[in-house]
Amino acid sequence: MTKRVDLRRILAFFRPYLWQQALVLICIFVVSLIGLAPPLFTKWLIDGAIPQHDMNGVWLAVGGMVASALVAGLIGVYQGYLNSLVGEGIMRDIRTSLVAHLHRMPLSFFTGTKTGEIMNRVSNDVDNIDNVVTGTLITIVTNVFQMLTTVITIFILDWRLALIALAIIPLMIFPLSPVGRRMYDIRKQTREKRDAIESITQETLSISGITLIKSFVRESFERARFYAVGTDLMKLEIRLAMVGRWFIAAITAMVIIGPAVVWLAGGWLAITGGVTVGTIVAFVAYLN
């Protein structure tokens, strides 16, 4: 129940920016459609213009590629501006709301909560929300639009290759799931250690903290405590980096395996007269 309430509270910050978000969605949709054009122009070149020695067709195809890239780039710049406008506006509102909420908290809250933890919530946690608002959400929406438009297009090109490609996708995604969960667990532990380091720093370097340390000659103890937490954080960061490298290696392998299977099936279909070479090239371009 708490997660639902939190989600509704976060979504409330999006309401003042609905029309900007609508424009962002329109930009994403238009860019996704434009992104379908270059592979089709390539297919036209390979199957039509070049074999027929049609130089006008070559110019039109190349011009279409350049024009689509320029238009998509300009729309992307405008979309980036809208993303920043919405994201930074939401972050400003969240920070203001959070500070106002902290001002309403009783003194017992501040005496029972570490200063470093409060500071981390105000800065790091809000920054994490910023990353979700301006990055993750936009990426998810963009990927959904691109996936839908691409799936429709590849079925129009050749339904047999489309079925093969769709059959490969679950096999490519399944191994990534445990890696993603592992990365999430390590990131959570990493954040806890960073909270601990920030709390220790706030406690030991404040006027009252450093006075107590020097009064009781605890410099060596505090250094050892800080070093121990720092070592734990270092180990977690190394584990996170290694899991990330395995994640990238798996994705890289899948990016190669997927088109290779399509080339194998498409090559057989092309040899038997089922599809054209341009269709296979366009198909692989969409998969990438």
Foldseek 3Di string as FASTA:
>chain_A
DVVVVVVVVLVVLQVVLVVLVVLLLVLLLVLLVLVLLLLVLLLCVQVPCVVVVNVVSVVVSVVSVVVSVVVNVVSVVVSLVSLCVSLVSSLVVVLVVLVVVVVPDDPVVVVVDQPLLSVCCSPVVSVVVSCCSSPVVSVVSSVVSNVVVLLVVLCVLPVVLSVVLVVVVVVLCVVCVVLVVVLVVLVVVLVVLVSVLSSLCVQCPDPVNVVVCVVVVCPVVSVVVNVVSVVVNVVSVVVSVVSVVVSVVSVVVSLVVSLVVLCVVVVVCVVVPNHPPSSSSSSNVSSD
